[in-house]
């Protein structure tokens, strides 16, 4: 089994890991309703994607009857 010849110092290990960081998720505004959404996804608020209605959203009238 392979074993390191010398101990890796704290500095060397930390320098190697400097690019392992969390980035904030990218967010864009829906062109139809202005809601904040992830890019390249249908808007969960209005159901539009690229100017077309791709998701049928229930109206408030249908929710009252249930």
C-alpha atoms as a PDB file:
ATOM      1  CA  UNK A   1       0.000   0.000   0.000  1.00  0.00           C
ATOM      2  CA  UNK A   2       1.311   3.461  -0.884  1.00  0.00           C
ATOM      3  CA  UNK A   3       2.376   5.620   2.034  1.00  0.00           C
ATOM      4  CA  UNK A   4       3.510   9.255   1.803  1.00  0.00           C
ATOM      5  CA  UNK A   5       7.295   9.606   2.128  1.00  0.00           C
ATOM      6  CA  UNK A   6       6.959  12.822   4.134  1.00  0.00           C
ATOM      7  CA  UNK A   7       4.178  14.478   6.091  1.00  0.00           C
ATOM      8  CA  UNK A   8       2.179  17.037   4.137  1.00  0.00           C
ATOM      9  CA  UNK A   9       2.371  20.309   6.042  1.00  0.00           C
ATOM     10  CA  UNK A  10      -0.760  22.212   7.055  1.00  0.00           C
ATOM     11  CA  UNK A  11       0.173  25.035   4.702  1.00  0.00           C
ATOM     12  CA  UNK A  12       0.624  22.774   1.676  1.00  0.00           C
ATOM     13  CA  UNK A  13      -2.660  21.000   2.284  1.00  0.00           C
ATOM     14  CA  UNK A  14      -4.542  24.257   2.784  1.00  0.00           C
ATOM     15  CA  UNK A  15      -3.017  25.858  -0.321  1.00  0.00           C
ATOM     16  CA  UNK A  16      -4.135  22.862  -2.369  1.00  0.00           C
ATOM     17  CA  UNK A  17      -7.697  23.253  -1.046  1.00  0.00           C
ATOM     18  CA  UNK A  18      -8.062  27.004  -1.610  1.00  0.00           C
ATOM     19  CA  UNK A  19     -10.378  26.470  -4.584  1.00  0.00           C
ATOM     20  CA  UNK A  20     -12.737  24.144  -2.634  1.00  0.00           C
ATOM     21  CA  UNK A  21     -15.249  26.774  -1.678  1.00  0.00           C
ATOM     22  CA  UNK A  22     -18.985  27.193  -1.830  1.00  0.00           C
ATOM     23  CA  UNK A  23     -20.327  29.572  -4.436  1.00  0.00           C
ATOM     24  CA  UNK A  24     -23.702  31.256  -4.308  1.00  0.00           C
ATOM     25  CA  UNK A  25     -26.282  29.772  -6.654  1.00  0.00           C
ATOM     26  CA  UNK A  26     -26.896  31.856  -9.769  1.00  0.00           C
ATOM     27  CA  UNK A  27     -30.346  33.395  -9.953  1.00  0.00           C
ATOM     28  CA  UNK A  28     -32.131  35.214 -12.761  1.00  0.00           C
ATOM     29  CA  UNK A  29     -35.455  37.054 -12.943  1.00  0.00           C
ATOM     30  CA  UNK A  30     -38.411  35.540 -14.760  1.00  0.00           C
ATOM     31  CA  UNK A  31     -39.182  37.621 -17.841  1.00  0.00           C
ATOM     32  CA  UNK A  32     -42.913  37.059 -17.422  1.00  0.00           C
ATOM     33  CA  UNK A  33     -43.576  37.652 -13.696  1.00  0.00           C
ATOM     34  CA  UNK A  34     -40.248  38.894 -12.309  1.00  0.00           C
ATOM     35  CA  UNK A  35     -39.771  36.083  -9.773  1.00  0.00           C
ATOM     36  CA  UNK A  36     -36.226  34.944  -8.923  1.00  0.00           C
ATOM     37  CA  UNK A  37     -35.514  31.520 -10.457  1.00  0.00           C
ATOM     38  CA  UNK A  38     -32.546  29.333 -11.374  1.00  0.00           C
ATOM     39  CA  UNK A  39     -31.495  29.752 -15.015  1.00  0.00           C
ATOM     40  CA  UNK A  40     -32.753  27.308 -17.696  1.00  0.00           C
ATOM     41  CA  UNK A  41     -35.772  26.205 -15.651  1.00  0.00           C
ATOM     42  CA  UNK A  42     -39.485  26.839 -15.899  1.00  0.00           C
ATOM     43  CA  UNK A  43     -40.744  29.464 -13.459  1.00  0.00           C
ATOM     44  CA  UNK A  44     -42.549  27.773 -10.551  1.00  0.00           C
ATOM     45  CA  UNK A  45     -44.625  30.932  -9.970  1.00  0.00           C
ATOM     46  CA  UNK A  46     -46.145  31.459 -13.426  1.00  0.00           C
ATOM     47  CA  UNK A  47     -45.101  28.330 -15.392  1.00  0.00           C
ATOM     48  CA  UNK A  48     -43.377  30.141 -18.267  1.00  0.00           C
ATOM     49  CA  UNK A  49     -40.104  29.116 -19.940  1.00  0.00           C
ATOM     50  CA  UNK A  50     -38.606  31.016 -22.879  1.00  0.00           C
ATOM     51  CA  UNK A  51     -41.794  33.009 -23.361  1.00  0.00           C
ATOM     52  CA  UNK A  52     -44.056  29.950 -23.530  1.00  0.00           C
ATOM     53  CA  UNK A  53     -46.440  28.573 -20.929  1.00  0.00           C
ATOM     54  CA  UNK A  54     -45.064  25.084 -20.190  1.00  0.00           C
ATOM     55  CA  UNK A  55     -46.626  24.413 -16.754  1.00  0.00           C
ATOM     56  CA  UNK A  56     -50.311  24.607 -16.046  1.00  0.00           C
ATOM     57  CA  UNK A  57     -50.811  26.417 -12.746  1.00  0.00           C
ATOM     58  CA  UNK A  58     -53.978  25.949 -10.696  1.00  0.00           C
ATOM     59  CA  UNK A  59     -55.989  29.104 -10.223  1.00  0.00           C
ATOM     60  CA  UNK A  60     -57.150  30.188  -6.768  1.00  0.00           C
ATOM     61  CA  UNK A  61     -60.753  29.285  -7.721  1.00  0.00           C
ATOM     62  CA  UNK A  62     -59.841  25.600  -8.189  1.00  0.00           C
ATOM     63  CA  UNK A  63     -58.068  25.458  -4.827  1.00  0.00           C
ATOM     64  CA  UNK A  64     -61.167  26.686  -2.973  1.00  0.00           C
ATOM     65  CA  UNK A  65     -63.328  23.805  -4.226  1.00  0.00           C
ATOM     66  CA  UNK A  66     -61.033  21.111  -2.784  1.00  0.00           C
END
